[in-house]
Every structure is written in structure tokens, then in C-alpha cells.
Amino acid sequence: MDQRKPLHSPRTASRVFGQDAVIISPAENTVRMLNPTGSRIWELADGSRTMDEIAALLTQDFEVSLSEARQQVAEFLSDLETRGLVDWVE
């Protein structure tokens, strides 16, 4: 089981407005807007929770099964990692 915990990269800045998050990458000069599900994952990716813990919380916030939530969290965080927006802590 993967015990790493996602954490916002120090190279980003972000704000959450209601259910929508905005991530700013100054180095890339980009701004990304996230939908409510992505915003919730971003909010929970604070370095204190594993991907499984984030997925479990998503099942409480959205009508989604645990297996579907795990898949969405893994894919979303993988994409953020590829873009340099999240780091991982043990």
C-alpha cells in the first residue's frame, strides 16, 4: 500500500473560492481552474493524508464508490505530479 502523502508544491500558489480552486504556477506562467472534485482533492492534498484517505473522504462528499474515488484520486494526483504541482512526503 502506498503510504506517501501528496503535498502542494512550494512552486505553486493557490486559492479556493467556494468549490473551485485556482492553482497558479509562476514558473510556467499558468493558471489552472479546478472543478469541484479536483478542488476537493487539491484541498485535501496537504501532506497529512494518503491517497486512500483522500479517496475515502471523497466518498463522503460526492456520490462515488471507494474504488472509483481511488481511481480518480490516483489519476488526478498523477497528472498534478507530472505538471510539477504536487510533491510527496513519506
PDB file of N, CA and C in Angstrom:
ATOM      1  N   MET A   1       0.845  -1.188   0.000  1.00  0.00           N
ATOM      2  CA  MET A   1       0.000   0.000   0.000  1.00  0.00           C
ATOM      3  C   MET A   1       0.889   1.251   0.000  1.00  0.00           C
ATOM      4  N   ASP A   2       0.540   2.208  -0.787  1.00  0.00           N
ATOM      5  CA  ASP A   2       1.295   3.441  -0.921  1.00  0.00           C
ATOM      6  C   ASP A   2       0.980   4.354   0.263  1.00  0.00           C
ATOM      7  N   GLN A   3       1.980   4.634   1.074  1.00  0.00           N
ATOM      8  CA  GLN A   3       1.781   5.483   2.245  1.00  0.00           C
ATOM      9  C   GLN A   3       2.252   6.919   2.031  1.00  0.00           C
ATOM     10  N   ARG A   4       2.702   7.218   0.807  1.00  0.00           N
ATOM     11  CA  ARG A   4       3.111   8.591   0.524  1.00  0.00           C
ATOM     12  C   ARG A   4       1.898   9.517   0.601  1.00  0.00           C
ATOM     13  N   LYS A   5       2.192  10.769   0.921  1.00  0.00           N
ATOM     14  CA  LYS A   5       1.121  11.751   1.056  1.00  0.00           C
ATOM     15  C   LYS A   5       1.389  12.915   0.112  1.00  0.00           C
ATOM     16  N   PRO A   6       0.393  13.276  -0.710  1.00  0.00           N
ATOM     17  CA  PRO A   6       0.588  14.400  -1.635  1.00  0.00           C
ATOM     18  C   PRO A   6       0.581  15.735  -0.894  1.00  0.00           C
ATOM     19  N   LEU A   7       1.403  16.637  -1.401  1.00  0.00           N
ATOM     20  CA  LEU A   7       1.549  17.958  -0.801  1.00  0.00           C
ATOM     21  C   LEU A   7       1.713  18.981  -1.918  1.00  0.00           C
ATOM     22  N   HIS A   8       1.059  20.105  -1.809  1.00  0.00           N
ATOM     23  CA  HIS A   8       1.196  21.173  -2.813  1.00  0.00           C
ATOM     24  C   HIS A   8       2.665  21.522  -2.979  1.00  0.00           C
ATOM     25  N   SER A   9       3.084  21.663  -4.205  1.00  0.00           N
ATOM     26  CA  SER A   9       4.458  22.057  -4.477  1.00  0.00           C
ATOM     27  C   SER A   9       4.696  23.478  -3.984  1.00  0.00           C
ATOM     28  N   PRO A  10       5.872  23.742  -3.414  1.00  0.00           N
ATOM     29  CA  PRO A  10       6.164  25.118  -2.997  1.00  0.00           C
ATOM     30  C   PRO A  10       6.314  26.068  -4.191  1.00  0.00           C
ATOM     31  N   ARG A  11       6.346  25.521  -5.397  1.00  0.00           N
ATOM     32  CA  ARG A  11       6.452  26.340  -6.609  1.00  0.00           C
ATOM     33  C   ARG A  11       5.088  26.817  -7.102  1.00  0.00           C
ATOM     34  N   THR A  12       4.047  26.556  -6.326  1.00  0.00           N
ATOM     35  CA  THR A  12       2.698  26.966  -6.730  1.00  0.00           C
ATOM     36  C   THR A  12       2.073  27.865  -5.671  1.00  0.00           C
ATOM     37  N   ALA A  13       1.049  28.562  -6.092  1.00  0.00           N
ATOM     38  CA  ALA A  13       0.191  29.323  -5.183  1.00  0.00           C
ATOM     39  C   ALA A  13      -1.234  28.927  -5.522  1.00  0.00           C
ATOM     40  N   SER A  14      -2.110  28.923  -4.551  1.00  0.00           N
ATOM     41  CA  SER A  14      -3.487  28.529  -4.854  1.00  0.00           C
ATOM     42  C   SER A  14      -4.460  29.223  -3.924  1.00  0.00           C
ATOM     43  N   ARG A  15      -5.698  29.256  -4.379  1.00  0.00           N
ATOM     44  CA  ARG A  15      -6.817  29.781  -3.607  1.00  0.00           C
ATOM     45  C   ARG A  15      -8.029  28.915  -3.924  1.00  0.00           C
ATOM     46  N   VAL A  16      -8.872  28.722  -2.911  1.00  0.00           N
ATOM     47  CA  VAL A  16     -10.130  28.011  -3.112  1.00  0.00           C
ATOM     48  C   VAL A  16     -11.245  29.019  -2.888  1.00  0.00           C
ATOM     49  N   PHE A  17     -12.103  29.141  -3.895  1.00  0.00           N
ATOM     50  CA  PHE A  17     -13.264  30.036  -3.844  1.00  0.00           C
ATOM     51  C   PHE A  17     -14.509  29.162  -3.880  1.00  0.00           C
ATOM     52  N   GLY A  18     -15.151  28.961  -2.743  1.00  0.00           N
ATOM     53  CA  GLY A  18     -16.312  28.080  -2.700  1.00  0.00           C
ATOM     54  C   GLY A  18     -15.888  26.662  -3.011  1.00  0.00           C
ATOM     55  N   GLN A  19     -16.355  26.126  -4.139  1.00  0.00           N
ATOM     56  CA  GLN A  19     -15.994  24.765  -4.549  1.00  0.00           C
ATOM     57  C   GLN A  19     -14.967  24.749  -5.670  1.00  0.00           C
ATOM     58  N   ASP A  20     -14.427  25.899  -6.039  1.00  0.00           N
ATOM     59  CA  ASP A  20     -13.485  25.962  -7.154  1.00  0.00           C
ATOM     60  C   ASP A  20     -12.118  26.428  -6.676  1.00  0.00           C
ATOM     61  N   ALA A  21     -11.091  25.688  -7.077  1.00  0.00           N
ATOM     62  CA  ALA A  21      -9.722  26.057  -6.728  1.00  0.00           C
ATOM     63  C   ALA A  21      -9.026  26.623  -7.953  1.00  0.00           C
ATOM     64  N   VAL A  22      -8.129  27.550  -7.702  1.00  0.00           N
ATOM     65  CA  VAL A  22      -7.285  28.128  -8.736  1.00  0.00           C
ATOM     66  C   VAL A  22      -5.844  27.870  -8.315  1.00  0.00           C
ATOM     67  N   ILE A  23      -5.063  27.273  -9.222  1.00  0.00           N
ATOM     68  CA  ILE A  23      -3.649  26.999  -8.956  1.00  0.00           C
ATOM     69  C   ILE A  23      -2.822  27.850  -9.906  1.00  0.00           C
ATOM     70  N   ILE A  24      -1.876  28.561  -9.347  1.00  0.00           N
ATOM     71  CA  ILE A  24      -1.005  29.425 -10.144  1.00  0.00           C
ATOM     72  C   ILE A  24       0.407  28.851 -10.114  1.00  0.00           C
ATOM     73  N   SER A  25       1.001  28.694 -11.304  1.00  0.00           N
ATOM     74  CA  SER A  25       2.375  28.228 -11.440  1.00  0.00           C
ATOM     75  C   SER A  25       3.196  29.367 -12.019  1.00  0.00           C
ATOM     76  N   PRO A  26       3.810  30.182 -11.168  1.00  0.00           N
ATOM     77  CA  PRO A  26       4.562  31.327 -11.683  1.00  0.00           C
ATOM     78  C   PRO A  26       5.684  30.937 -12.654  1.00  0.00           C
ATOM     79  N   ALA A  27       6.362  29.835 -12.394  1.00  0.00           N
ATOM     80  CA  ALA A  27       7.475  29.426 -13.265  1.00  0.00           C
ATOM     81  C   ALA A  27       6.993  29.133 -14.681  1.00  0.00           C
ATOM     82  N   GLU A  28       5.791  28.571 -14.796  1.00  0.00           N
ATOM     83  CA  GLU A  28       5.223  28.249 -16.115  1.00  0.00           C
ATOM     84  C   GLU A  28       4.346  29.373 -16.638  1.00  0.00           C
ATOM     85  N   ASN A  29       4.070  30.351 -15.777  1.00  0.00           N
ATOM     86  CA  ASN A  29       3.168  31.438 -16.133  1.00  0.00           C
ATOM     87  C   ASN A  29       1.788  30.900 -16.521  1.00  0.00           C
ATOM     88  N   THR A  30       1.273  29.955 -15.701  1.00  0.00           N
ATOM     89  CA  THR A  30      -0.035  29.361 -15.983  1.00  0.00           C
ATOM     90  C   THR A  30      -0.952  29.476 -14.773  1.00  0.00           C
ATOM     91  N   VAL A  31      -2.239  29.490 -15.081  1.00  0.00           N
ATOM     92  CA  VAL A  31      -3.283  29.477 -14.066  1.00  0.00           C
ATOM     93  C   VAL A  31      -4.222  28.327 -14.429  1.00  0.00           C
ATOM     94  N   ARG A  32      -4.517  27.479 -13.458  1.00  0.00           N
ATOM     95  CA  ARG A  32      -5.415  26.349 -13.689  1.00  0.00           C
ATOM     96  C   ARG A  32      -6.618  26.480 -12.769  1.00  0.00           C
ATOM     97  N   MET A  33      -7.800  26.274 -13.335  1.00  0.00           N
ATOM     98  CA  MET A  33      -9.031  26.259 -12.547  1.00  0.00           C
ATOM     99  C   MET A  33      -9.477  24.804 -12.436  1.00  0.00           C
ATOM    100  N   LEU A  34      -9.836  24.393 -11.239  1.00  0.00           N
ATOM    101  CA  LEU A  34     -10.254  23.020 -10.998  1.00  0.00           C
ATOM    102  C   LEU A  34     -11.753  22.939 -10.769  1.00  0.00           C
ATOM    103  N   ASN A  35     -12.346  21.816 -11.193  1.00  0.00           N
ATOM    104  CA  ASN A  35     -13.762  21.581 -10.932  1.00  0.00           C
ATOM    105  C   ASN A  35     -13.928  21.212  -9.450  1.00  0.00           C
ATOM    106  N   PRO A  36     -15.162  21.065  -8.953  1.00  0.00           N
ATOM    107  CA  PRO A  36     -15.358  20.781  -7.525  1.00  0.00           C
ATOM    108  C   PRO A  36     -14.637  19.528  -7.027  1.00  0.00           C
ATOM    109  N   THR A  37     -14.614  18.453  -7.814  1.00  0.00           N
ATOM    110  CA  THR A  37     -13.924  17.241  -7.377  1.00  0.00           C
ATOM    111  C   THR A  37     -12.422  17.481  -7.301  1.00  0.00           C
ATOM    112  N   GLY A  38     -11.853  18.065  -8.341  1.00  0.00           N
ATOM    113  CA  GLY A  38     -10.423  18.372  -8.341  1.00  0.00           C
ATOM    114  C   GLY A  38     -10.071  19.347  -7.231  1.00  0.00           C
ATOM    115  N   SER A  39     -10.949  20.306  -6.987  1.00  0.00           N
ATOM    116  CA  SER A  39     -10.718  21.285  -5.923  1.00  0.00           C
ATOM    117  C   SER A  39     -10.687  20.611  -4.559  1.00  0.00           C
ATOM    118  N   ARG A  40     -11.580  19.646  -4.354  1.00  0.00           N
ATOM    119  CA  ARG A  40     -11.617  18.942  -3.062  1.00  0.00           C
ATOM    120  C   ARG A  40     -10.352  18.103  -2.886  1.00  0.00           C
ATOM    121  N   ILE A  41      -9.926  17.423  -3.937  1.00  0.00           N
ATOM    122  CA  ILE A  41      -8.688  16.645  -3.859  1.00  0.00           C
ATOM    123  C   ILE A  41      -7.520  17.582  -3.554  1.00  0.00           C
ATOM    124  N   TRP A  42      -7.450  18.706  -4.252  1.00  0.00           N
ATOM    125  CA  TRP A  42      -6.387  19.687  -4.027  1.00  0.00           C
ATOM    126  C   TRP A  42      -6.393  20.156  -2.569  1.00  0.00           C
ATOM    127  N   GLU A  43      -7.584  20.441  -2.059  1.00  0.00           N
ATOM    128  CA  GLU A  43      -7.723  20.901  -0.684  1.00  0.00           C
ATOM    129  C   GLU A  43      -7.197  19.853   0.306  1.00  0.00           C
ATOM    130  N   LEU A  44      -7.487  18.588   0.023  1.00  0.00           N
ATOM    131  CA  LEU A  44      -7.098  17.500   0.923  1.00  0.00           C
ATOM    132  C   LEU A  44      -5.635  17.090   0.769  1.00  0.00           C
ATOM    133  N   ALA A  45      -5.000  17.511  -0.317  1.00  0.00           N
ATOM    134  CA  ALA A  45      -3.599  17.142  -0.578  1.00  0.00           C
ATOM    135  C   ALA A  45      -2.671  18.105   0.167  1.00  0.00           C
ATOM    136  N   ASP A  46      -2.727  18.027   1.493  1.00  0.00           N
ATOM    137  CA  ASP A  46      -1.958  18.960   2.320  1.00  0.00           C
ATOM    138  C   ASP A  46      -0.773  18.301   3.024  1.00  0.00           C
ATOM    139  N   GLY A  47      -0.441  17.078   2.599  1.00  0.00           N
ATOM    140  CA  GLY A  47       0.694  16.376   3.188  1.00  0.00           C
ATOM    141  C   GLY A  47       0.355  15.571   4.426  1.00  0.00           C
ATOM    142  N   SER A  48      -0.905  15.574   4.837  1.00  0.00           N
ATOM    143  CA  SER A  48      -1.289  14.848   6.049  1.00  0.00           C
ATOM    144  C   SER A  48      -2.099  13.581   5.764  1.00  0.00           C
ATOM    145  N   ARG A  49      -2.478  13.367   4.491  1.00  0.00           N
ATOM    146  CA  ARG A  49      -3.334  12.226   4.133  1.00  0.00           C
ATOM    147  C   ARG A  49      -2.747  11.435   2.977  1.00  0.00           C
ATOM    148  N   THR A  50      -2.946  10.129   3.005  1.00  0.00           N
ATOM    149  CA  THR A  50      -2.553   9.281   1.877  1.00  0.00           C
ATOM    150  C   THR A  50      -3.630   9.383   0.797  1.00  0.00           C
ATOM    151  N   MET A  51      -3.328   8.828  -0.375  1.00  0.00           N
ATOM    152  CA  MET A  51      -4.332   8.827  -1.454  1.00  0.00           C
ATOM    153  C   MET A  51      -5.572   8.062  -1.030  1.00  0.00           C
ATOM    154  N   ASP A  52      -5.410   6.948  -0.307  1.00  0.00           N
ATOM    155  CA  ASP A  52      -6.570   6.181   0.152  1.00  0.00           C
ATOM    156  C   ASP A  52      -7.427   6.991   1.122  1.00  0.00           C
ATOM    157  N   GLU A  53      -6.789   7.745   1.994  1.00  0.00           N
ATOM    158  CA  GLU A  53      -7.545   8.569   2.932  1.00  0.00           C
ATOM    159  C   GLU A  53      -8.303   9.672   2.193  1.00  0.00           C
ATOM    160  N   ILE A  54      -7.691  10.252   1.188  1.00  0.00           N
ATOM    161  CA  ILE A  54      -8.367  11.265   0.378  1.00  0.00           C
ATOM    162  C   ILE A  54      -9.556  10.640  -0.344  1.00  0.00           C
ATOM    163  N   ALA A  55      -9.359   9.463  -0.927  1.00  0.00           N
ATOM    164  CA  ALA A  55     -10.445   8.782  -1.643  1.00  0.00           C
ATOM    165  C   ALA A  55     -11.613   8.489  -0.699  1.00  0.00           C
ATOM    166  N   ALA A  56     -11.320   8.043   0.513  1.00  0.00           N
ATOM    167  CA  ALA A  56     -12.382   7.746   1.481  1.00  0.00           C
ATOM    168  C   ALA A  56     -13.188   9.005   1.802  1.00  0.00           C
ATOM    169  N   LEU A  57     -12.509  10.136   1.943  1.00  0.00           N
ATOM    170  CA  LEU A  57     -13.223  11.388   2.203  1.00  0.00           C
ATOM    171  C   LEU A  57     -14.082  11.812   1.014  1.00  0.00           C
ATOM    172  N   LEU A  58     -13.608  11.540  -0.203  1.00  0.00           N
ATOM    173  CA  LEU A  58     -14.402  11.888  -1.394  1.00  0.00           C
ATOM    174  C   LEU A  58     -15.723  11.132  -1.428  1.00  0.00           C
ATOM    175  N   THR A  59     -15.730   9.887  -0.935  1.00  0.00           N
ATOM    176  CA  THR A  59     -16.976   9.116  -0.940  1.00  0.00           C
ATOM    177  C   THR A  59     -18.014   9.757  -0.026  1.00  0.00           C
ATOM    178  N   GLN A  60     -17.563  10.523   0.960  1.00  0.00           N
ATOM    179  CA  GLN A  60     -18.489  11.221   1.856  1.00  0.00           C
ATOM    180  C   GLN A  60     -19.003  12.518   1.231  1.00  0.00           C
ATOM    181  N   ASP A  61     -18.166  13.137   0.387  1.00  0.00           N
ATOM    182  CA  ASP A  61     -18.511  14.430  -0.201  1.00  0.00           C
ATOM    183  C   ASP A  61     -19.273  14.328  -1.521  1.00  0.00           C
ATOM    184  N   PHE A  62     -19.040  13.226  -2.242  1.00  0.00           N
ATOM    185  CA  PHE A  62     -19.643  13.048  -3.566  1.00  0.00           C
ATOM    186  C   PHE A  62     -20.257  11.652  -3.643  1.00  0.00           C
ATOM    187  N   GLU A  63     -21.197  11.479  -4.542  1.00  0.00           N
ATOM    188  CA  GLU A  63     -21.809  10.161  -4.731  1.00  0.00           C
ATOM    189  C   GLU A  63     -20.907   9.334  -5.623  1.00  0.00           C
ATOM    190  N   VAL A  64     -19.915   8.681  -4.999  1.00  0.00           N
ATOM    191  CA  VAL A  64     -18.933   7.901  -5.738  1.00  0.00           C
ATOM    192  C   VAL A  64     -18.500   6.724  -4.866  1.00  0.00           C
ATOM    193  N   SER A  65     -18.244   5.587  -5.506  1.00  0.00           N
ATOM    194  CA  SER A  65     -17.780   4.416  -4.762  1.00  0.00           C
ATOM    195  C   SER A  65     -16.317   4.597  -4.381  1.00  0.00           C
ATOM    196  N   LEU A  66     -15.860   3.821  -3.410  1.00  0.00           N
ATOM    197  CA  LEU A  66     -14.478   3.918  -2.970  1.00  0.00           C
ATOM    198  C   LEU A  66     -13.514   3.556  -4.093  1.00  0.00           C
ATOM    199  N   SER A  67     -13.841   2.513  -4.878  1.00  0.00           N
ATOM    200  CA  SER A  67     -12.938   2.124  -5.970  1.00  0.00           C
ATOM    201  C   SER A  67     -12.858   3.216  -7.034  1.00  0.00           C
ATOM    202  N   GLU A  68     -13.982   3.843  -7.348  1.00  0.00           N
ATOM    203  CA  GLU A  68     -13.981   4.929  -8.332  1.00  0.00           C
ATOM    204  C   GLU A  68     -13.223   6.143  -7.780  1.00  0.00           C
ATOM    205  N   ALA A  69     -13.432   6.446  -6.500  1.00  0.00           N
ATOM    206  CA  ALA A  69     -12.731   7.571  -5.873  1.00  0.00           C
ATOM    207  C   ALA A  69     -11.223   7.329  -5.889  1.00  0.00           C
ATOM    208  N   ARG A  70     -10.798   6.102  -5.574  1.00  0.00           N
ATOM    209  CA  ARG A  70      -9.362   5.782  -5.594  1.00  0.00           C
ATOM    210  C   ARG A  70      -8.776   6.014  -6.986  1.00  0.00           C
ATOM    211  N   GLN A  71      -9.503   5.579  -8.007  1.00  0.00           N
ATOM    212  CA  GLN A  71      -9.030   5.737  -9.381  1.00  0.00           C
ATOM    213  C   GLN A  71      -8.926   7.217  -9.746  1.00  0.00           C
ATOM    214  N   GLN A  72      -9.957   7.986  -9.413  1.00  0.00           N
ATOM    215  CA  GLN A  72      -9.952   9.422  -9.724  1.00  0.00           C
ATOM    216  C   GLN A  72      -8.816  10.145  -9.006  1.00  0.00           C
ATOM    217  N   VAL A  73      -8.617   9.823  -7.732  1.00  0.00           N
ATOM    218  CA  VAL A  73      -7.557  10.465  -6.949  1.00  0.00           C
ATOM    219  C   VAL A  73      -6.195  10.128  -7.537  1.00  0.00           C
ATOM    220  N   ALA A  74      -5.973   8.848  -7.852  1.00  0.00           N
ATOM    221  CA  ALA A  74      -4.679   8.417  -8.411  1.00  0.00           C
ATOM    222  C   ALA A  74      -4.398   9.111  -9.738  1.00  0.00           C
ATOM    223  N   GLU A  75      -5.393   9.160 -10.623  1.00  0.00           N
ATOM    224  CA  GLU A  75      -5.203   9.791 -11.934  1.00  0.00           C
ATOM    225  C   GLU A  75      -4.972  11.293 -11.797  1.00  0.00           C
ATOM    226  N   PHE A  76      -5.759  11.935 -10.955  1.00  0.00           N
ATOM    227  CA  PHE A  76      -5.649  13.378 -10.789  1.00  0.00           C
ATOM    228  C   PHE A  76      -4.301  13.760 -10.185  1.00  0.00           C
ATOM    229  N   LEU A  77      -3.890  13.059  -9.127  1.00  0.00           N
ATOM    230  CA  LEU A  77      -2.615  13.379  -8.483  1.00  0.00           C
ATOM    231  C   LEU A  77      -1.434  13.042  -9.387  1.00  0.00           C
ATOM    232  N   SER A  78      -1.568  12.008 -10.182  1.00  0.00           N
ATOM    233  CA  SER A  78      -0.514  11.680 -11.145  1.00  0.00           C
ATOM    234  C   SER A  78      -0.354  12.812 -12.151  1.00  0.00           C
ATOM    235  N   ASP A  79      -1.473  13.345 -12.616  1.00  0.00           N
ATOM    236  CA  ASP A  79      -1.435  14.470 -13.559  1.00  0.00           C
ATOM    237  C   ASP A  79      -0.804  15.696 -12.898  1.00  0.00           C
ATOM    238  N   LEU A  80      -1.193  15.980 -11.660  1.00  0.00           N
ATOM    239  CA  LEU A  80      -0.603  17.121 -10.957  1.00  0.00           C
ATOM    240  C   LEU A  80       0.895  16.926 -10.745  1.00  0.00           C
ATOM    241  N   GLU A  81       1.292  15.693 -10.453  1.00  0.00           N
ATOM    242  CA  GLU A  81       2.720  15.403 -10.267  1.00  0.00           C
ATOM    243  C   GLU A  81       3.484  15.631 -11.569  1.00  0.00           C
ATOM    244  N   THR A  82       2.930  15.164 -12.677  1.00  0.00           N
ATOM    245  CA  THR A  82       3.553  15.348 -13.990  1.00  0.00           C
ATOM    246  C   THR A  82       3.740  16.829 -14.301  1.00  0.00           C
ATOM    247  N   ARG A  83       2.794  17.646 -13.871  1.00  0.00           N
ATOM    248  CA  ARG A  83       2.853  19.095 -14.124  1.00  0.00           C
ATOM    249  C   ARG A  83       3.685  19.840 -13.070  1.00  0.00           C
ATOM    250  N   GLY A  84       4.219  19.102 -12.102  1.00  0.00           N
ATOM    251  CA  GLY A  84       5.048  19.725 -11.068  1.00  0.00           C
ATOM    252  C   GLY A  84       4.262  20.495 -10.018  1.00  0.00           C
ATOM    253  N   LEU A  85       2.993  20.138  -9.845  1.00  0.00           N
ATOM    254  CA  LEU A  85       2.142  20.872  -8.904  1.00  0.00           C
ATOM    255  C   LEU A  85       2.042  20.233  -7.538  1.00  0.00           C
ATOM    256  N   VAL A  86       2.376  18.938  -7.440  1.00  0.00           N
ATOM    257  CA  VAL A  86       2.399  18.275  -6.131  1.00  0.00           C
ATOM    258  C   VAL A  86       3.728  17.563  -5.946  1.00  0.00           C
ATOM    259  N   ASP A  87       4.117  17.478  -4.696  1.00  0.00           N
ATOM    260  CA  ASP A  87       5.263  16.690  -4.254  1.00  0.00           C
ATOM    261  C   ASP A  87       4.719  15.621  -3.334  1.00  0.00           C
ATOM    262  N   TRP A  88       5.573  14.731  -2.867  1.00  0.00           N
ATOM    263  CA  TRP A  88       5.158  13.640  -2.000  1.00  0.00           C
ATOM    264  C   TRP A  88       5.991  13.614  -0.735  1.00  0.00           C
ATOM    265  N   VAL A  89       5.348  13.336   0.389  1.00  0.00           N
ATOM    266  CA  VAL A  89       6.042  13.163   1.662  1.00  0.00           C
ATOM    267  C   VAL A  89       5.758  11.751   2.163  1.00  0.00           C
ATOM    268  N   GLU A  90       6.678  11.244   2.949  1.00  0.00           N
ATOM    269  CA  GLU A  90       6.526   9.881   3.499  1.00  0.00           C
ATOM    270  C   GLU A  90       5.713   9.903   4.770  1.00  0.00           C
TER     271      GLU A  90
END
